[in-house]
Amino acid sequence: MLKAAQSTLAQDGTAQQTRLACASATCLPFPSGSFSVITCALATHHMDVAAALAEMRRVLRSGGHLLLLDVGALPVWRTAVGRAAIHWALLLYGWAHRSNRAKAEAGAVPNLRTTEEWQSLLRNSGFVHVELVHTWAPRRMWYPQALLYRAAAA
């Protein structure tokens, strides 16, 4: 991915102004307050969400913005029937798709948050003006919905 990014930056003529790094989102190699904007797309459900948000907040300047796009749990998933349906769906999915990708996606389901849970988690991580900018309806009733949040660093 870094090589592809370097190639794109070279073509755009912006390679000299850009530093690329490969690092864990829970341990970023940047000083506190380094960035005015952070974007994260379709990744947090694969990691320790609270630790990643805390680290994003650390490297974000006061007043800077986080744009976070990820998938979210539907409220029905928090009901007893919903939890049972997700459990069985994951078993069937794992049985039908025996790939590493399927294992990674199934393992990430417990990290999916409802819109209310995302808002609480963002606020508890030191973000203010937490705004759900857009949601996309799931293609199927059992699919997660896509959520786009904007939040500011306190």
N, C-alpha and C. Protein backbone atom coordinates (compact mmCIF):
# COMPACT_ATOMS: atom_id res chain seq x y z
N MET A 1 0.82 -1.19 0.00
CA MET A 1 0.00 0.00 0.00
C MET A 1 0.87 1.26 0.00
N LEU A 2 1.96 1.21 0.77
CA LEU A 2 2.83 2.38 0.81
C LEU A 2 3.47 2.64 -0.54
N LYS A 3 3.87 1.58 -1.24
CA LYS A 3 4.48 1.76 -2.56
C LYS A 3 3.47 2.36 -3.54
N ALA A 4 2.23 1.91 -3.48
CA ALA A 4 1.20 2.47 -4.36
C ALA A 4 0.97 3.95 -4.02
N ALA A 5 0.94 4.27 -2.74
CA ALA A 5 0.76 5.67 -2.32
C ALA A 5 1.93 6.53 -2.77
N GLN A 6 3.15 6.01 -2.63
CA GLN A 6 4.34 6.75 -3.07
C GLN A 6 4.28 7.03 -4.57
N SER A 7 3.84 6.06 -5.32
CA SER A 7 3.71 6.23 -6.77
C SER A 7 2.68 7.31 -7.11
N THR A 8 1.55 7.27 -6.44
CA THR A 8 0.51 8.27 -6.67
C THR A 8 1.00 9.66 -6.30
N LEU A 9 1.67 9.78 -5.16
CA LEU A 9 2.20 11.08 -4.74
C LEU A 9 3.25 11.61 -5.72
N ALA A 10 4.07 10.71 -6.24
CA ALA A 10 5.08 11.12 -7.21
C ALA A 10 4.42 11.65 -8.49
N GLN A 11 3.36 10.98 -8.92
CA GLN A 11 2.63 11.41 -10.11
C GLN A 11 1.96 12.76 -9.89
N ASP A 12 1.45 12.98 -8.68
CA ASP A 12 0.78 14.24 -8.34
C ASP A 12 1.76 15.37 -8.05
N GLY A 13 3.02 15.02 -7.87
CA GLY A 13 4.01 16.03 -7.53
C GLY A 13 3.98 16.47 -6.08
N THR A 14 3.39 15.65 -5.21
CA THR A 14 3.28 16.02 -3.79
C THR A 14 4.11 15.12 -2.88
N ALA A 15 4.98 14.31 -3.45
CA ALA A 15 5.77 13.37 -2.64
C ALA A 15 6.67 14.08 -1.65
N GLN A 16 7.21 15.24 -2.01
CA GLN A 16 8.13 15.96 -1.12
C GLN A 16 7.44 16.51 0.13
N GLN A 17 6.15 16.81 0.03
CA GLN A 17 5.43 17.40 1.16
C GLN A 17 4.73 16.35 2.03
N THR A 18 4.87 15.09 1.67
CA THR A 18 4.09 14.04 2.34
C THR A 18 5.01 13.01 2.97
N ARG A 19 4.69 12.65 4.21
CA ARG A 19 5.41 11.58 4.89
C ARG A 19 4.44 10.41 5.07
N LEU A 20 4.81 9.27 4.58
CA LEU A 20 4.01 8.07 4.74
C LEU A 20 4.60 7.22 5.86
N ALA A 21 3.75 6.55 6.60
CA ALA A 21 4.21 5.70 7.69
C ALA A 21 3.30 4.48 7.80
N CYS A 22 3.88 3.37 8.14
CA CYS A 22 3.13 2.16 8.42
C CYS A 22 3.19 1.96 9.93
N ALA A 23 2.03 2.02 10.59
CA ALA A 23 2.02 1.92 12.05
C ALA A 23 0.67 1.42 12.53
N SER A 24 0.64 0.99 13.75
CA SER A 24 -0.60 0.58 14.38
C SER A 24 -1.40 1.82 14.77
N ALA A 25 -2.70 1.77 14.55
CA ALA A 25 -3.56 2.90 14.93
C ALA A 25 -3.61 3.09 16.44
N THR A 26 -3.18 2.09 17.19
CA THR A 26 -3.19 2.20 18.65
C THR A 26 -1.85 2.67 19.22
N CYS A 27 -0.88 2.92 18.32
CA CYS A 27 0.44 3.39 18.75
C CYS A 27 1.08 4.17 17.60
N LEU A 28 0.56 5.36 17.34
CA LEU A 28 1.02 6.15 16.20
C LEU A 28 2.37 6.81 16.48
N PRO A 29 3.29 6.80 15.51
CA PRO A 29 4.64 7.33 15.71
C PRO A 29 4.75 8.84 15.45
N PHE A 30 3.81 9.60 16.00
CA PHE A 30 3.78 11.04 15.78
C PHE A 30 3.64 11.75 17.12
N PRO A 31 4.21 12.95 17.24
CA PRO A 31 4.05 13.71 18.48
C PRO A 31 2.59 14.12 18.70
N SER A 32 2.25 14.37 19.92
CA SER A 32 0.90 14.85 20.25
C SER A 32 0.62 16.15 19.50
N GLY A 33 -0.62 16.30 19.05
CA GLY A 33 -1.02 17.53 18.37
C GLY A 33 -0.42 17.72 16.99
N SER A 34 -0.08 16.65 16.31
CA SER A 34 0.59 16.74 15.00
C SER A 34 -0.34 17.06 13.83
N PHE A 35 -1.61 16.74 13.94
CA PHE A 35 -2.50 16.81 12.78
C PHE A 35 -3.71 17.71 13.04
N SER A 36 -4.17 18.35 11.97
CA SER A 36 -5.39 19.15 12.06
C SER A 36 -6.59 18.35 11.57
N VAL A 37 -6.36 17.31 10.77
CA VAL A 37 -7.44 16.44 10.29
C VAL A 37 -6.95 15.01 10.29
N ILE A 38 -7.81 14.12 10.74
CA ILE A 38 -7.54 12.68 10.68
C ILE A 38 -8.74 12.04 10.01
N THR A 39 -8.46 11.15 9.06
CA THR A 39 -9.54 10.37 8.44
C THR A 39 -9.27 8.90 8.72
N CYS A 40 -10.34 8.17 8.92
CA CYS A 40 -10.24 6.73 9.14
C CYS A 40 -11.46 6.11 8.46
N ALA A 41 -11.23 5.21 7.53
CA ALA A 41 -12.33 4.63 6.78
C ALA A 41 -12.34 3.11 6.84
N LEU A 42 -13.44 2.59 7.33
CA LEU A 42 -13.71 1.15 7.34
C LEU A 42 -12.60 0.33 7.99
N ALA A 43 -12.10 0.82 9.10
CA ALA A 43 -10.99 0.12 9.76
C ALA A 43 -11.23 -0.12 11.24
N THR A 44 -11.89 0.78 11.95
CA THR A 44 -11.92 0.69 13.41
C THR A 44 -12.57 -0.58 13.93
N HIS A 45 -13.49 -1.16 13.19
CA HIS A 45 -14.12 -2.38 13.69
C HIS A 45 -13.15 -3.56 13.69
N HIS A 46 -11.97 -3.39 13.12
CA HIS A 46 -10.95 -4.45 13.13
C HIS A 46 -9.88 -4.24 14.20
N MET A 47 -10.10 -3.30 15.10
CA MET A 47 -9.06 -3.01 16.10
C MET A 47 -9.69 -2.68 17.46
N ASP A 48 -8.85 -2.43 18.41
CA ASP A 48 -9.30 -1.98 19.73
C ASP A 48 -9.78 -0.54 19.54
N VAL A 49 -11.09 -0.37 19.43
CA VAL A 49 -11.67 0.93 19.05
C VAL A 49 -11.33 2.02 20.05
N ALA A 50 -11.48 1.74 21.32
CA ALA A 50 -11.20 2.76 22.34
C ALA A 50 -9.74 3.19 22.30
N ALA A 51 -8.82 2.24 22.17
CA ALA A 51 -7.39 2.57 22.12
C ALA A 51 -7.06 3.37 20.85
N ALA A 52 -7.65 2.99 19.73
CA ALA A 52 -7.40 3.72 18.47
C ALA A 52 -7.94 5.15 18.55
N LEU A 53 -9.13 5.32 19.10
CA LEU A 53 -9.69 6.67 19.23
C LEU A 53 -8.87 7.53 20.19
N ALA A 54 -8.40 6.94 21.26
CA ALA A 54 -7.56 7.68 22.20
C ALA A 54 -6.27 8.14 21.52
N GLU A 55 -5.70 7.29 20.69
CA GLU A 55 -4.47 7.64 19.99
C GLU A 55 -4.73 8.71 18.91
N MET A 56 -5.86 8.58 18.22
CA MET A 56 -6.22 9.61 17.24
C MET A 56 -6.41 10.96 17.93
N ARG A 57 -7.04 10.94 19.07
CA ARG A 57 -7.25 12.18 19.81
C ARG A 57 -5.91 12.76 20.26
N ARG A 58 -4.99 11.91 20.66
CA ARG A 58 -3.68 12.38 21.11
C ARG A 58 -2.93 13.12 20.01
N VAL A 59 -2.94 12.60 18.79
CA VAL A 59 -2.17 13.22 17.71
C VAL A 59 -2.92 14.33 16.99
N LEU A 60 -4.17 14.54 17.36
CA LEU A 60 -4.98 15.59 16.74
C LEU A 60 -4.83 16.89 17.52
N ARG A 61 -4.62 17.98 16.81
CA ARG A 61 -4.52 19.29 17.45
C ARG A 61 -5.86 19.67 18.09
N SER A 62 -5.82 20.47 19.12
CA SER A 62 -7.04 21.00 19.72
C SER A 62 -7.80 21.76 18.65
N GLY A 63 -9.07 21.45 18.50
CA GLY A 63 -9.90 22.06 17.47
C GLY A 63 -9.82 21.35 16.13
N GLY A 64 -8.92 20.36 16.00
CA GLY A 64 -8.82 19.59 14.77
C GLY A 64 -10.01 18.66 14.61
N HIS A 65 -10.14 18.08 13.44
CA HIS A 65 -11.31 17.25 13.15
C HIS A 65 -10.95 15.81 12.80
N LEU A 66 -11.79 14.92 13.27
CA LEU A 66 -11.74 13.51 12.92
C LEU A 66 -12.92 13.22 12.01
N LEU A 67 -12.65 12.60 10.87
CA LEU A 67 -13.70 12.09 9.99
C LEU A 67 -13.59 10.58 10.02
N LEU A 68 -14.63 9.93 10.49
CA LEU A 68 -14.60 8.49 10.70
C LEU A 68 -15.75 7.84 9.94
N LEU A 69 -15.40 6.98 9.02
CA LEU A 69 -16.39 6.21 8.26
C LEU A 69 -16.22 4.76 8.64
N ASP A 70 -17.27 4.15 9.12
CA ASP A 70 -17.19 2.74 9.45
C ASP A 70 -18.59 2.14 9.43
N VAL A 71 -18.64 0.86 9.66
CA VAL A 71 -19.92 0.18 9.70
C VAL A 71 -20.41 0.14 11.14
N GLY A 72 -21.72 0.15 11.28
CA GLY A 72 -22.31 0.17 12.61
C GLY A 72 -23.36 -0.89 12.78
N ALA A 73 -23.55 -1.29 14.01
CA ALA A 73 -24.57 -2.28 14.35
C ALA A 73 -25.95 -1.63 14.29
N LEU A 74 -26.89 -2.38 13.84
CA LEU A 74 -28.28 -1.93 13.87
C LEU A 74 -28.83 -2.12 15.28
N PRO A 75 -29.73 -1.27 15.73
CA PRO A 75 -30.28 -1.42 17.09
C PRO A 75 -30.86 -2.80 17.37
N VAL A 76 -31.45 -3.43 16.37
CA VAL A 76 -32.05 -4.75 16.57
C VAL A 76 -30.99 -5.78 16.96
N TRP A 77 -29.73 -5.53 16.61
CA TRP A 77 -28.66 -6.46 16.96
C TRP A 77 -28.44 -6.53 18.46
N ARG A 78 -28.92 -5.55 19.21
CA ARG A 78 -28.73 -5.52 20.66
C ARG A 78 -29.85 -6.25 21.40
N THR A 79 -30.87 -6.71 20.68
CA THR A 79 -31.94 -7.47 21.31
C THR A 79 -31.53 -8.93 21.40
N ALA A 80 -32.23 -9.72 22.22
CA ALA A 80 -31.92 -11.14 22.36
C ALA A 80 -32.08 -11.86 21.01
N VAL A 81 -33.13 -11.56 20.30
CA VAL A 81 -33.36 -12.19 18.99
C VAL A 81 -32.26 -11.76 18.01
N GLY A 82 -31.90 -10.50 18.04
CA GLY A 82 -30.86 -10.01 17.16
C GLY A 82 -29.51 -10.65 17.44
N ARG A 83 -29.17 -10.78 18.72
CA ARG A 83 -27.89 -11.43 19.08
C ARG A 83 -27.86 -12.89 18.61
N ALA A 84 -28.98 -13.57 18.78
CA ALA A 84 -29.06 -14.97 18.34
C ALA A 84 -28.95 -15.06 16.82
N ALA A 85 -29.61 -14.17 16.11
CA ALA A 85 -29.55 -14.18 14.64
C ALA A 85 -28.14 -13.90 14.15
N ILE A 86 -27.46 -12.95 14.76
CA ILE A 86 -26.08 -12.64 14.37
C ILE A 86 -25.18 -13.83 14.64
N HIS A 87 -25.37 -14.47 15.79
CA HIS A 87 -24.57 -15.65 16.14
C HIS A 87 -24.69 -16.72 15.05
N TRP A 88 -25.93 -17.05 14.67
CA TRP A 88 -26.15 -18.08 13.67
C TRP A 88 -25.68 -17.64 12.29
N ALA A 89 -25.87 -16.37 11.97
CA ALA A 89 -25.40 -15.86 10.68
C ALA A 89 -23.88 -15.97 10.56
N LEU A 90 -23.18 -15.67 11.67
CA LEU A 90 -21.72 -15.77 11.65
C LEU A 90 -21.26 -17.22 11.51
N LEU A 91 -21.96 -18.13 12.16
CA LEU A 91 -21.61 -19.54 12.01
C LEU A 91 -21.78 -20.00 10.57
N LEU A 92 -22.89 -19.61 9.95
CA LEU A 92 -23.13 -19.98 8.56
C LEU A 92 -22.13 -19.31 7.62
N TYR A 93 -21.84 -18.06 7.88
CA TYR A 93 -20.88 -17.33 7.06
C TYR A 93 -19.50 -17.98 7.14
N GLY A 94 -19.08 -18.32 8.34
CA GLY A 94 -17.80 -18.98 8.52
C GLY A 94 -17.73 -20.34 7.86
N TRP A 95 -18.84 -21.04 7.89
CA TRP A 95 -18.90 -22.36 7.25
C TRP A 95 -18.85 -22.22 5.73
N ALA A 96 -19.56 -21.25 5.18
CA ALA A 96 -19.65 -21.08 3.73
C ALA A 96 -18.41 -20.43 3.14
N HIS A 97 -17.75 -19.57 3.90
CA HIS A 97 -16.58 -18.83 3.40
C HIS A 97 -15.40 -19.11 4.33
N ARG A 98 -14.60 -20.06 3.99
CA ARG A 98 -13.50 -20.47 4.87
C ARG A 98 -12.19 -19.78 4.49
N SER A 99 -12.25 -18.48 4.36
CA SER A 99 -11.05 -17.72 3.99
C SER A 99 -10.59 -16.87 5.17
N ASN A 100 -9.37 -16.38 5.09
CA ASN A 100 -8.86 -15.48 6.13
C ASN A 100 -9.69 -14.21 6.20
N ARG A 101 -10.14 -13.72 5.05
CA ARG A 101 -10.97 -12.51 5.01
C ARG A 101 -12.27 -12.76 5.78
N ALA A 102 -12.89 -13.91 5.57
CA ALA A 102 -14.14 -14.23 6.27
C ALA A 102 -13.90 -14.30 7.77
N LYS A 103 -12.78 -14.89 8.18
CA LYS A 103 -12.45 -14.96 9.61
C LYS A 103 -12.26 -13.56 10.19
N ALA A 104 -11.58 -12.69 9.45
CA ALA A 104 -11.36 -11.32 9.93
C ALA A 104 -12.67 -10.56 10.06
N GLU A 105 -13.54 -10.68 9.07
CA GLU A 105 -14.82 -9.97 9.13
C GLU A 105 -15.71 -10.52 10.25
N ALA A 106 -15.75 -11.82 10.40
CA ALA A 106 -16.57 -12.41 11.47
C ALA A 106 -16.02 -12.01 12.84
N GLY A 107 -14.70 -11.96 12.97
CA GLY A 107 -14.09 -11.58 14.23
C GLY A 107 -14.30 -10.12 14.59
N ALA A 108 -14.61 -9.30 13.59
CA ALA A 108 -14.81 -7.86 13.83
C ALA A 108 -16.24 -7.51 14.25
N VAL A 109 -17.16 -8.41 14.10
CA VAL A 109 -18.57 -8.11 14.41
C VAL A 109 -18.77 -7.63 15.85
N PRO A 110 -18.10 -8.20 16.85
CA PRO A 110 -18.30 -7.68 18.21
C PRO A 110 -17.88 -6.22 18.37
N ASN A 111 -17.05 -5.69 17.47
CA ASN A 111 -16.62 -4.30 17.54
C ASN A 111 -17.59 -3.33 16.87
N LEU A 112 -18.62 -3.83 16.25
CA LEU A 112 -19.58 -2.94 15.60
C LEU A 112 -20.42 -2.25 16.67
N ARG A 113 -20.59 -0.96 16.53
CA ARG A 113 -21.32 -0.15 17.51
C ARG A 113 -22.57 0.45 16.88
N THR A 114 -23.59 0.66 17.68
CA THR A 114 -24.77 1.39 17.21
C THR A 114 -24.41 2.87 17.13
N THR A 115 -25.27 3.67 16.53
CA THR A 115 -24.98 5.10 16.44
C THR A 115 -24.84 5.72 17.83
N GLU A 116 -25.66 5.32 18.76
CA GLU A 116 -25.58 5.85 20.12
C GLU A 116 -24.27 5.43 20.79
N GLU A 117 -23.87 4.18 20.58
CA GLU A 117 -22.61 3.70 21.17
C GLU A 117 -21.41 4.43 20.57
N TRP A 118 -21.44 4.70 19.25
CA TRP A 118 -20.36 5.46 18.63
C TRP A 118 -20.27 6.86 19.21
N GLN A 119 -21.41 7.52 19.35
CA GLN A 119 -21.40 8.89 19.88
C GLN A 119 -20.83 8.92 21.30
N SER A 120 -21.23 7.99 22.12
CA SER A 120 -20.72 7.91 23.48
C SER A 120 -19.22 7.62 23.49
N LEU A 121 -18.78 6.69 22.68
CA LEU A 121 -17.37 6.33 22.61
C LEU A 121 -16.52 7.52 22.14
N LEU A 122 -16.98 8.24 21.14
CA LEU A 122 -16.24 9.41 20.66
C LEU A 122 -16.15 10.48 21.75
N ARG A 123 -17.25 10.75 22.43
CA ARG A 123 -17.24 11.77 23.50
C ARG A 123 -16.32 11.34 24.65
N ASN A 124 -16.40 10.06 25.02
CA ASN A 124 -15.56 9.56 26.11
C ASN A 124 -14.08 9.54 25.73
N SER A 125 -13.77 9.62 24.45
CA SER A 125 -12.38 9.64 23.97
C SER A 125 -11.84 11.06 23.82
N GLY A 126 -12.62 12.05 24.25
CA GLY A 126 -12.14 13.43 24.22
C GLY A 126 -12.54 14.24 23.00
N PHE A 127 -13.53 13.76 22.26
CA PHE A 127 -14.02 14.50 21.11
C PHE A 127 -15.29 15.26 21.48
N VAL A 128 -15.46 16.42 20.86
CA VAL A 128 -16.66 17.25 21.07
C VAL A 128 -17.30 17.51 19.72
N HIS A 129 -18.47 18.10 19.75
CA HIS A 129 -19.21 18.39 18.51
C HIS A 129 -19.31 17.14 17.64
N VAL A 130 -19.65 16.03 18.28
CA VAL A 130 -19.76 14.75 17.58
C VAL A 130 -21.03 14.80 16.73
N GLU A 131 -20.86 14.59 15.45
CA GLU A 131 -21.99 14.72 14.52
C GLU A 131 -22.03 13.50 13.59
N LEU A 132 -23.18 12.87 13.54
CA LEU A 132 -23.42 11.81 12.57
C LEU A 132 -23.78 12.51 11.27
N VAL A 133 -22.86 12.54 10.33
CA VAL A 133 -23.02 13.30 9.09
C VAL A 133 -23.92 12.58 8.11
N HIS A 134 -23.75 11.27 8.01
CA HIS A 134 -24.53 10.52 7.03
C HIS A 134 -24.59 9.05 7.41
N THR A 135 -25.68 8.42 7.07
CA THR A 135 -25.80 6.97 7.21
C THR A 135 -26.24 6.40 5.87
N TRP A 136 -25.83 5.20 5.60
CA TRP A 136 -26.26 4.50 4.43
C TRP A 136 -27.00 3.26 4.90
N ALA A 137 -28.18 3.04 4.38
CA ALA A 137 -28.97 1.88 4.78
C ALA A 137 -28.28 0.60 4.32
N PRO A 138 -28.35 -0.44 5.12
CA PRO A 138 -27.73 -1.70 4.72
C PRO A 138 -28.46 -2.30 3.52
N ARG A 139 -27.72 -3.05 2.72
CA ARG A 139 -28.32 -3.71 1.55
C ARG A 139 -29.29 -4.80 1.96
N ARG A 140 -29.02 -5.41 3.09
CA ARG A 140 -29.90 -6.46 3.61
C ARG A 140 -30.12 -6.21 5.09
N MET A 141 -31.20 -6.73 5.62
CA MET A 141 -31.58 -6.47 7.01
C MET A 141 -30.47 -6.86 8.00
N TRP A 142 -29.70 -7.88 7.69
CA TRP A 142 -28.68 -8.37 8.62
C TRP A 142 -27.30 -7.75 8.38
N TYR A 143 -27.17 -6.92 7.37
CA TYR A 143 -25.90 -6.24 7.10
C TYR A 143 -25.75 -5.04 8.02
N PRO A 144 -24.53 -4.67 8.36
CA PRO A 144 -24.33 -3.44 9.13
C PRO A 144 -24.59 -2.21 8.26
N GLN A 145 -24.92 -1.11 8.91
CA GLN A 145 -25.11 0.14 8.18
C GLN A 145 -23.81 0.92 8.17
N ALA A 146 -23.60 1.71 7.14
CA ALA A 146 -22.40 2.55 7.07
C ALA A 146 -22.70 3.88 7.77
N LEU A 147 -21.73 4.37 8.53
CA LEU A 147 -21.88 5.59 9.33
C LEU A 147 -20.71 6.52 9.06
N LEU A 148 -20.99 7.80 8.88
CA LEU A 148 -19.93 8.79 8.73
C LEU A 148 -20.08 9.80 9.86
N TYR A 149 -19.02 9.88 10.70
CA TYR A 149 -19.00 10.82 11.82
C TYR A 149 -17.96 11.90 11.60
N ARG A 150 -18.28 13.08 12.11
CA ARG A 150 -17.31 14.17 12.19
C ARG A 150 -17.28 14.58 13.66
N ALA A 151 -16.08 14.74 14.18
CA ALA A 151 -15.93 15.15 15.58
C ALA A 151 -14.71 16.06 15.69
N ALA A 152 -14.74 16.93 16.68
CA ALA A 152 -13.63 17.85 16.90
C ALA A 152 -12.89 17.47 18.18
N ALA A 153 -11.60 17.75 18.19
CA ALA A 153 -10.79 17.52 19.38
C ALA A 153 -11.03 18.66 20.35
N ALA A 154 -11.26 18.32 21.61
CA ALA A 154 -11.51 19.35 22.64
C ALA A 154 -10.26 20.16 22.89
